[in-house]
Amino acid sequence: MSSQNYRIQSDSVNVGGARESSTTYRMEDTIGEIASDESASTSYKLKAGYQQMQEIFISITSPADVTMSPDIGGVSGGTGNGQAAWTVITDDPAGYTLDIKDSTSPALKSGSYSFADYTPAGADPDYSWGISAADSEFGFTPEGNHIVQKYKDDTSTCNTGTNDTADKCWYNLSTSDENIASSSSANHPSGTATTVKFRAQSGSSHLQVEGTYQATITVTATAN
């Protein structure tokens, strides 16, 4: 049962029951349920009755490491692209949230050298990727059915409209969690994939020191 203000996940018909607590314990009980217990075999687990309830399940896939392509010339500059997809499955009736962050600032580094984190023109993501010829930067954009409003567009501007236009709405990674996808309902058992596209570019007037540049990215799925 649900409305705009509440959601009841489970209920049962009983003749009594209460919640009791003190400074050292909390107890919930019901009276009158039939065959309420936990039973299991090698192929199933059944939790019957109000007190057993349903445990929330959530999982996330672990994609392979991303290799940016093509290689970027240190003197001539260029653009490298890569992508990875994370599929989240949950039976939580309230859905899930998906966050992304990097481990360092800036994110893409080789020893003491780095690509700067992408700098959008304003508070919202840039609809089209763009850096100056004298800079080198690294950023991302998420795509998928559950991306949050910030990364949706109206074919010209981000954080407005309902479109998920490919290769649009670029933003910078940071060491704090950035919410990229969210759902308010369960998606078990099929799950939902969110693809994150990464881009690194060195401008034609920028000298990028040769090296193998790496970024450590963490994507976290949390049941709501």
Protein backbone atom coordinates (compact mmCIF):
# COMPACT_ATOMS: atom_id res chain seq x y z
CA MET A 1 0.00 0.00 0.00
CA SER A 2 1.29 3.46 -0.78
CA SER A 3 0.39 7.07 -1.39
CA GLN A 4 2.34 10.26 -2.06
CA ASN A 5 3.26 10.36 1.63
CA TYR A 6 3.90 6.73 2.69
CA ARG A 7 4.61 3.18 1.62
CA ILE A 8 3.75 0.02 3.59
CA GLN A 9 6.05 -2.76 2.45
CA SER A 10 4.32 -5.67 4.23
CA ASP A 11 1.36 -6.27 6.51
CA SER A 12 -0.39 -9.20 8.19
CA VAL A 13 -3.68 -9.99 9.94
CA ASN A 14 -3.26 -10.93 13.64
CA VAL A 15 -5.08 -10.92 16.93
CA GLY A 16 -2.40 -8.92 18.73
CA GLY A 17 1.13 -7.64 18.81
CA ALA A 18 3.23 -4.79 20.09
CA ARG A 19 6.62 -3.09 20.13
CA GLU A 20 8.36 -2.84 23.47
CA SER A 21 11.67 -1.23 24.33
CA SER A 22 13.90 0.00 27.11
CA THR A 23 17.39 1.48 27.32
CA THR A 24 18.90 -1.99 26.76
CA TYR A 25 16.53 -3.85 24.38
CA ARG A 26 13.77 -3.61 21.80
CA MET A 27 11.22 -6.37 21.13
CA GLU A 28 8.52 -6.79 18.52
CA ASP A 29 5.94 -9.56 18.73
CA THR A 30 2.80 -10.76 16.95
CA ILE A 31 0.08 -13.17 18.03
CA GLY A 32 -2.05 -15.34 15.80
CA GLU A 33 0.08 -15.94 12.70
CA ILE A 34 0.09 -19.45 11.25
CA ALA A 35 3.25 -21.20 9.98
CA SER A 36 5.45 -18.14 10.46
CA ASP A 37 9.08 -19.12 10.46
CA GLU A 38 12.13 -19.41 8.25
CA SER A 39 12.66 -22.50 6.12
CA ALA A 40 15.24 -23.23 3.46
CA SER A 41 16.73 -25.85 1.15
CA THR A 42 19.57 -25.91 -1.37
CA SER A 43 17.40 -24.06 -3.91
CA TYR A 44 15.23 -21.64 -1.91
CA LYS A 45 14.74 -19.69 1.31
CA LEU A 46 11.27 -18.87 2.65
CA LYS A 47 10.61 -16.29 5.32
CA ALA A 48 6.95 -16.52 6.32
CA GLY A 49 5.16 -14.14 8.64
CA TYR A 50 5.37 -10.50 9.60
CA GLN A 51 8.34 -10.83 11.93
CA GLN A 52 10.43 -12.68 9.35
CA MET A 53 9.79 -9.96 6.76
CA GLN A 54 11.69 -9.70 3.50
CA GLU A 55 15.38 -8.92 3.55
CA ILE A 56 16.44 -6.27 1.05
CA PHE A 57 18.68 -7.58 -1.72
CA ILE A 58 20.97 -5.38 -3.80
CA SER A 59 23.85 -6.24 -6.13
CA ILE A 60 26.13 -4.40 -8.54
CA THR A 61 28.33 -5.76 -11.30
CA SER A 62 32.09 -5.18 -11.50
CA PRO A 63 33.18 -4.22 -15.03
CA ALA A 64 36.70 -4.64 -16.39
CA ASP A 65 39.22 -1.81 -16.19
CA VAL A 66 38.74 0.89 -18.82
CA THR A 67 41.45 1.58 -21.38
CA MET A 68 41.13 4.97 -23.04
CA SER A 69 41.53 5.02 -26.82
CA PRO A 70 43.23 6.26 -28.92
CA ASP A 71 46.51 7.26 -27.30
CA ILE A 72 46.95 11.01 -26.89
CA GLY A 73 49.97 12.73 -28.40
CA GLY A 74 52.01 14.71 -25.88
CA VAL A 75 52.80 17.50 -28.37
CA SER A 76 50.00 17.23 -30.93
CA GLY A 77 47.25 16.62 -28.37
CA GLY A 78 44.14 14.55 -28.97
CA THR A 79 41.16 12.88 -27.33
CA GLY A 80 40.84 9.47 -25.70
CA ASN A 81 37.53 7.81 -24.83
CA GLY A 82 36.45 4.83 -22.77
CA GLN A 83 33.39 3.49 -20.98
CA ALA A 84 32.16 1.00 -18.39
CA ALA A 85 28.69 -0.20 -17.37
CA TRP A 86 27.41 -1.07 -13.90
CA THR A 87 24.19 -3.10 -13.56
CA VAL A 88 22.27 -2.74 -10.29
CA ILE A 89 19.66 -5.28 -9.18
CA THR A 90 17.49 -4.74 -6.11
CA ASP A 91 14.17 -5.98 -4.75
CA ASP A 92 13.88 -2.94 -2.48
CA PRO A 93 10.40 -1.48 -3.12
CA ALA A 94 11.93 1.98 -2.60
CA GLY A 95 14.62 1.42 -5.26
CA TYR A 96 18.27 2.43 -5.13
CA THR A 97 20.80 5.21 -5.73
CA LEU A 98 24.06 4.99 -7.69
CA ASP A 99 27.02 7.25 -6.88
CA ILE A 100 30.45 7.76 -8.44
CA LYS A 101 33.68 9.28 -7.10
CA ASP A 102 37.43 9.20 -7.71
CA SER A 103 40.24 8.58 -5.25
CA THR A 104 42.41 11.64 -5.98
CA SER A 105 42.07 15.23 -7.10
CA PRO A 106 42.66 15.58 -9.97
CA ALA A 107 41.47 12.11 -10.95
CA LEU A 108 43.67 11.20 -13.93
CA LYS A 109 47.36 11.16 -12.98
CA SER A 110 50.79 9.81 -13.88
CA GLY A 111 53.16 10.41 -10.98
CA SER A 112 53.23 14.17 -10.38
CA TYR A 113 51.62 14.93 -13.78
CA SER A 114 47.88 14.97 -14.42
CA PHE A 115 44.91 15.95 -16.54
CA ALA A 116 42.83 18.60 -14.79
CA ASP A 117 39.29 17.62 -13.79
CA TYR A 118 36.80 18.80 -16.39
CA THR A 119 35.49 22.32 -15.78
CA PRO A 120 31.91 22.91 -16.98
CA ALA A 121 30.92 26.46 -17.85
CA GLY A 122 28.36 26.64 -15.02
CA ALA A 123 26.82 24.65 -12.19
CA ASP A 124 25.20 22.16 -14.57
CA PRO A 125 27.02 19.71 -16.83
CA ASP A 126 28.09 20.99 -20.26
CA TYR A 127 25.82 19.73 -23.01
CA SER A 128 28.83 19.44 -25.35
CA TRP A 129 32.38 18.63 -24.33
CA GLY A 130 34.78 21.52 -24.77
CA ILE A 131 38.18 22.62 -23.45
CA SER A 132 40.61 25.33 -24.51
CA ALA A 133 43.57 24.52 -26.76
CA ALA A 134 45.98 25.27 -23.92
CA ASP A 135 44.44 22.81 -21.40
CA SER A 136 44.14 19.08 -20.77
CA GLU A 137 41.10 17.76 -18.90
CA PHE A 138 39.31 14.53 -17.88
CA GLY A 139 35.57 14.11 -17.33
CA PHE A 140 32.57 11.79 -17.58
CA THR A 141 28.91 11.49 -18.53
CA PRO A 142 26.40 8.78 -17.43
CA GLU A 143 23.81 7.18 -19.70
CA GLY A 144 20.94 4.82 -18.90
CA ASN A 145 17.26 4.56 -18.02
CA HIS A 146 17.77 5.63 -14.41
CA ILE A 147 20.13 8.60 -14.73
CA VAL A 148 19.19 11.53 -12.50
CA GLN A 149 17.73 14.80 -13.83
CA LYS A 150 21.10 16.56 -13.67
CA TYR A 151 22.34 14.49 -16.62
CA LYS A 152 19.16 14.65 -18.73
CA ASP A 153 18.75 17.24 -21.47
CA ASP A 154 16.38 19.00 -23.86
CA THR A 155 18.76 18.51 -26.85
CA SER A 156 20.65 21.73 -26.01
CA THR A 157 20.90 22.15 -22.21
CA CYS A 158 21.54 19.74 -19.33
CA ASN A 159 19.55 19.43 -16.11
CA THR A 160 16.35 20.12 -18.05
CA GLY A 161 14.11 18.03 -20.27
CA THR A 162 13.81 14.24 -20.33
CA ASN A 163 16.31 13.15 -22.99
CA ASP A 164 19.38 11.01 -22.53
CA THR A 165 21.26 12.13 -25.62
CA ALA A 166 24.38 10.08 -26.28
CA ASP A 167 27.76 11.68 -25.46
CA LYS A 168 26.21 14.79 -23.92
CA CYS A 169 26.14 16.38 -20.44
CA TRP A 170 29.79 16.23 -19.34
CA TYR A 171 30.88 16.82 -15.75
CA ASN A 172 33.90 16.47 -13.49
CA LEU A 173 34.72 13.70 -11.06
CA SER A 174 35.58 14.52 -7.45
CA THR A 175 36.55 12.71 -4.26
CA SER A 176 32.97 13.14 -2.99
CA ASP A 177 30.10 10.92 -4.13
CA GLU A 178 28.21 12.26 -7.15
CA ASN A 179 24.72 10.83 -7.65
CA ILE A 180 24.35 9.65 -11.26
CA ALA A 181 21.37 7.28 -11.21
CA SER A 182 18.35 6.62 -9.03
CA SER A 183 15.14 4.59 -8.96
CA SER A 184 12.13 4.65 -6.65
CA SER A 185 11.08 1.04 -7.27
CA ALA A 186 12.47 -2.49 -7.41
CA ASN A 187 14.06 -3.78 -10.63
CA HIS A 188 14.60 -7.42 -9.63
CA PRO A 189 15.43 -9.75 -11.33
CA SER A 190 16.53 -8.11 -14.61
CA GLY A 191 18.36 -5.08 -13.16
CA THR A 192 19.27 -1.80 -14.84
CA ALA A 193 22.59 -0.85 -16.41
CA THR A 194 24.14 2.61 -16.18
CA THR A 195 27.00 3.30 -18.59
CA VAL A 196 29.62 5.86 -17.64
CA LYS A 197 31.59 7.34 -20.52
CA PHE A 198 34.99 8.85 -19.79
CA ARG A 199 36.90 11.35 -21.91
CA ALA A 200 40.43 12.78 -21.68
CA GLN A 201 41.64 15.50 -24.00
CA SER A 202 44.87 17.43 -24.41
CA GLY A 203 44.50 20.63 -26.41
CA SER A 204 46.53 21.35 -29.54
CA SER A 205 48.55 24.06 -27.74
CA HIS A 206 49.11 22.02 -24.58
CA LEU A 207 52.23 19.96 -23.85
CA GLN A 208 51.20 16.82 -21.95
CA VAL A 209 54.12 14.92 -20.42
CA GLU A 210 54.41 11.35 -21.72
CA GLY A 211 53.26 8.62 -19.36
CA THR A 212 50.59 6.10 -18.42
CA TYR A 213 47.81 8.06 -16.75
CA GLN A 214 45.41 6.29 -14.39
CA ALA A 215 42.30 7.11 -12.36
CA THR A 216 40.73 4.98 -9.62
CA ILE A 217 36.95 5.25 -9.80
CA THR A 218 34.49 3.94 -7.20
CA VAL A 219 30.81 3.36 -8.05
CA THR A 220 28.48 2.56 -5.15
CA ALA A 221 24.90 1.25 -5.21
CA THR A 222 22.75 1.80 -2.11
CA ALA A 223 19.25 0.55 -1.40
CA ASN A 224 16.85 3.41 -0.57
